Structure formats: structure tokens, C-alpha cells
């Protein structure tokens, strides 16, 4: 059985950056001129690449890997990430 190996494409990196800025699926789809279903698929593949199950975890791992930076986060995401850092 062939397994899909997730890769970090430019599009998925764009999605990660928009998640970090607080965009939801519908907003990401509009911003990147994608269908909602393709946005959800690409977001799922991003999660597979990062080995995570949530937007917060994706942002946290994205920061750790140097894919995104804390300065680029929306205020609510900064609070989530800062809270996660204190629990480590």
C-alpha cells in the first residue's frame, strides 16, 4: 500500500503563516484564491508534515522549526504560544 509522504510546499507554508495570523479556513481560501475543500486538504497535509493535529500545535512546531516567527503571530496566537511555553 502506497502512503502519501507529506511535503512542505510553498502553498502549505503560506497556509501556516495565515494560520499564525489568525485566519480561519474560509479566510485562507479567499486570501489564497483556493476552494474551501482544497484549503482543508492542504491544511491537513501541512499537519501531516508537521506531525500535529491542531492549528496551535502547527504554529508552535512552525516556530520551533524556524518556518514562522513569533513577531508574525496575531495577538491571540501569541497568548496561546506563550502559554504553551510556560507549560513546557
Protein backbone atom coordinates (compact mmCIF):
# COMPACT_ATOMS: atom_id res chain seq x y z
CA UNK A 1 0.00 0.00 0.00
CA UNK A 2 1.40 3.40 -1.02
CA UNK A 3 1.50 6.00 1.74
CA UNK A 4 1.39 9.71 0.99
CA UNK A 5 4.57 11.42 2.22
CA UNK A 6 3.62 14.96 3.12
CA UNK A 7 5.96 17.69 1.93
CA UNK A 8 6.17 21.33 2.88
CA UNK A 9 5.21 23.14 -0.29
CA UNK A 10 5.21 26.91 -0.73
CA UNK A 11 1.39 26.85 -0.58
CA UNK A 12 1.39 24.95 2.72
CA UNK A 13 3.91 27.40 4.15
CA UNK A 14 1.61 30.25 3.10
CA UNK A 15 -1.25 28.49 4.89
CA UNK A 16 0.86 28.09 8.04
CA UNK A 17 1.67 31.80 8.00
CA UNK A 18 -2.01 32.69 7.65
CA UNK A 19 -2.96 30.32 10.47
CA UNK A 20 -0.38 32.11 12.62
CA UNK A 21 -2.05 35.41 11.76
CA UNK A 22 -5.40 34.05 12.98
CA UNK A 23 -7.07 33.30 9.63
CA UNK A 24 -9.75 30.60 9.57
CA UNK A 25 -10.29 28.13 6.70
CA UNK A 26 -12.73 30.37 4.83
CA UNK A 27 -10.44 33.39 5.10
CA UNK A 28 -7.43 31.35 3.94
CA UNK A 29 -9.41 30.07 0.94
CA UNK A 30 -10.37 33.60 -0.10
CA UNK A 31 -6.89 35.04 0.51
CA UNK A 32 -5.14 32.31 -1.49
CA UNK A 33 -7.93 32.01 -4.10
CA UNK A 34 -8.48 28.33 -3.33
CA UNK A 35 -11.62 26.29 -2.83
CA UNK A 36 -12.56 25.61 0.76
CA UNK A 37 -12.15 21.86 0.24
CA UNK A 38 -8.64 22.29 -1.21
CA UNK A 39 -7.75 24.63 1.66
CA UNK A 40 -8.80 21.96 4.17
CA UNK A 41 -6.86 19.28 2.26
CA UNK A 42 -3.69 21.38 2.13
CA UNK A 43 -4.06 22.26 5.82
CA UNK A 44 -4.42 18.55 6.66
CA UNK A 45 -1.28 17.76 4.64
CA UNK A 46 0.54 20.57 6.46
CA UNK A 47 -0.49 18.97 9.76
CA UNK A 48 0.78 15.59 8.49
CA UNK A 49 4.12 17.14 7.54
CA UNK A 50 4.46 18.75 10.98
CA UNK A 51 3.05 15.65 12.78
CA UNK A 52 0.39 17.70 14.58
CA UNK A 53 -3.40 17.67 14.96
CA UNK A 54 -4.27 21.33 15.55
CA UNK A 55 -3.58 24.84 14.35
CA UNK A 56 -2.00 25.79 17.68
CA UNK A 57 0.38 22.84 17.50
CA UNK A 58 1.21 23.63 13.86
CA UNK A 59 2.15 27.19 14.79
CA UNK A 60 4.17 26.03 17.79
CA UNK A 61 6.15 23.49 15.71
CA UNK A 62 6.45 26.01 12.86
CA UNK A 63 8.17 28.42 15.25
CA UNK A 64 10.45 25.68 16.58
CA UNK A 65 11.46 24.72 13.02
CA UNK A 66 12.07 28.36 12.05
CA UNK A 67 9.30 28.37 9.45
CA UNK A 68 7.48 31.27 11.10
CA UNK A 69 8.41 33.81 13.74
CA UNK A 70 6.71 34.97 16.92
CA UNK A 71 6.61 38.57 15.58
CA UNK A 72 4.26 37.39 12.80
CA UNK A 73 1.63 35.93 15.14
CA UNK A 74 -1.73 37.51 15.84
CA UNK A 75 -2.26 38.53 19.47
CA UNK A 76 -4.47 35.56 20.34
CA UNK A 77 -1.93 33.12 18.88
CA UNK A 78 0.87 34.85 20.82
CA UNK A 79 -1.08 34.23 24.02
CA UNK A 80 -1.56 30.54 23.15
CA UNK A 81 2.12 30.06 22.27
CA UNK A 82 3.35 31.94 25.31
CA UNK A 83 1.05 29.84 27.49
CA UNK A 84 2.40 26.67 25.89
CA UNK A 85 5.96 27.78 26.58
CA UNK A 86 5.27 28.19 30.28
CA UNK A 87 3.87 24.64 30.46
CA UNK A 88 6.98 23.02 28.98
